[in-house]
């Protein structure tokens, strides 16, 4: 009986190293998070002059690892006024910005 199990055990041993193991590590309390909610699903978000992402269909962008400190947040969307806000985010803080984008007059 033991001899029949050896090929299966060997195969299991070989396959064990072939598949990556994903371990989700909870964020440390020092990780800062910035959430940007907009009124336009086509908005592009910039932090300190660098594009950091585009909002999705839910009109939200989450930046899970932003450096603590003072930052300038700019939100652009076609046909809307530019939204600019200076923020200060502390270590471990989760900050939400509601960027209401006004439509430009035709």
Protein backbone atom coordinates (compact mmCIF):
# COMPACT_ATOMS: atom_id res chain seq x y z
CA UNK A 1 0.00 0.00 0.00
CA UNK A 2 2.83 2.40 0.83
CA UNK A 3 4.47 1.83 -2.54
CA UNK A 4 1.31 2.97 -4.34
CA UNK A 5 1.25 6.28 -2.45
CA UNK A 6 4.87 7.17 -3.20
CA UNK A 7 4.22 8.37 -6.80
CA UNK A 8 1.33 10.56 -5.61
CA UNK A 9 3.34 11.99 -2.74
CA UNK A 10 6.24 12.70 -5.11
CA UNK A 11 3.91 14.40 -7.61
CA UNK A 12 2.35 16.51 -4.85
CA UNK A 13 5.81 17.48 -3.68
CA UNK A 14 6.80 18.57 -7.21
CA UNK A 15 3.61 20.55 -7.79
CA UNK A 16 3.81 22.31 -4.43
CA UNK A 17 6.59 24.58 -5.67
CA UNK A 18 4.85 25.38 -8.97
CA UNK A 19 2.01 27.47 -7.66
CA UNK A 20 2.58 30.83 -6.00
CA UNK A 21 1.26 31.28 -2.51
CA UNK A 22 -0.50 34.60 -1.99
CA UNK A 23 -0.49 35.93 1.53
CA UNK A 24 -2.43 39.11 2.15
CA UNK A 25 -0.72 41.27 4.71
CA UNK A 26 -2.96 43.78 6.48
CA UNK A 27 -1.80 47.37 6.12
CA UNK A 28 0.24 48.70 8.98
CA UNK A 29 -1.32 51.47 11.05
CA UNK A 30 1.31 53.83 9.61
CA UNK A 31 0.11 53.38 6.00
CA UNK A 32 -1.68 56.46 4.71
CA UNK A 33 -4.57 56.21 2.28
CA UNK A 34 -6.09 58.89 0.08
CA UNK A 35 -9.54 58.38 -1.45
CA UNK A 36 -10.73 60.73 -4.18
CA UNK A 37 -14.42 60.78 -5.09
CA UNK A 38 -15.53 62.80 -8.09
CA UNK A 39 -18.70 63.78 -9.87
CA UNK A 40 -17.28 62.60 -13.23
CA UNK A 41 -16.44 59.02 -14.20
CA UNK A 42 -13.80 60.28 -16.66
CA UNK A 43 -11.64 62.15 -14.15
CA UNK A 44 -7.86 61.91 -13.97
CA UNK A 45 -6.16 62.47 -10.60
CA UNK A 46 -2.75 64.08 -10.14
CA UNK A 47 -0.79 64.33 -6.89
CA UNK A 48 2.08 66.83 -6.80
CA UNK A 49 1.97 67.18 -10.59
CA UNK A 50 2.18 63.43 -11.28
CA UNK A 51 -0.72 61.41 -12.69
CA UNK A 52 -1.63 58.76 -10.13
CA UNK A 53 -4.72 57.26 -11.74
CA UNK A 54 -8.16 57.58 -13.22
CA UNK A 55 -11.41 57.14 -11.38
CA UNK A 56 -13.44 54.08 -12.26
CA UNK A 57 -17.13 53.77 -13.06
CA UNK A 58 -17.80 54.16 -9.34
CA UNK A 59 -16.24 57.66 -9.60
CA UNK A 60 -13.64 56.81 -6.99
CA UNK A 61 -9.87 56.33 -6.86
CA UNK A 62 -8.11 54.86 -3.81
CA UNK A 63 -4.40 55.54 -3.29
CA UNK A 64 -3.43 53.09 -0.53
CA UNK A 65 0.18 54.11 0.07
CA UNK A 66 0.59 57.85 -0.21
CA UNK A 67 3.50 59.49 1.60
CA UNK A 68 2.51 61.44 4.71
CA UNK A 69 2.86 65.20 4.36
CA UNK A 70 1.44 68.06 2.32
CA UNK A 71 0.36 67.40 -1.26
CA UNK A 72 -1.44 69.21 -4.06
CA UNK A 73 -4.29 67.15 -5.53
CA UNK A 74 -5.60 68.10 -8.99
CA UNK A 75 -8.60 66.42 -10.63
CA UNK A 76 -9.28 66.94 -14.35
CA UNK A 77 -12.23 65.77 -16.44
CA UNK A 78 -13.31 66.72 -19.97
CA UNK A 79 -15.92 69.50 -20.00
CA UNK A 80 -15.42 70.32 -16.30
CA UNK A 81 -13.59 72.95 -14.29
CA UNK A 82 -10.28 71.93 -12.74
CA UNK A 83 -10.43 70.88 -9.08
CA UNK A 84 -7.34 71.77 -7.01
CA UNK A 85 -6.89 71.17 -3.29
CA UNK A 86 -3.87 71.19 -0.99
CA UNK A 87 -4.07 68.46 1.63
CA UNK A 88 -2.05 67.42 4.64
CA UNK A 89 -2.12 63.73 5.46
CA UNK A 90 -0.64 62.28 8.64
CA UNK A 91 0.93 58.82 9.03
CA UNK A 92 -1.79 56.19 9.33
CA UNK A 93 -4.54 58.60 8.26
CA UNK A 94 -7.27 57.73 5.75
CA UNK A 95 -8.31 60.95 4.00
CA UNK A 96 -11.34 61.35 1.73
CA UNK A 97 -11.59 64.16 -0.82
CA UNK A 98 -14.94 64.87 -2.46
CA UNK A 99 -13.95 66.57 -5.70
CA UNK A 100 -17.11 68.16 -7.06
CA UNK A 101 -16.40 68.99 -10.68
CA UNK A 102 -18.56 71.76 -12.15
CA UNK A 103 -19.50 71.55 -15.80
CA UNK A 104 -18.15 74.27 -18.05
CA UNK A 105 -20.76 76.50 -19.69
CA UNK A 106 -21.23 75.82 -23.42
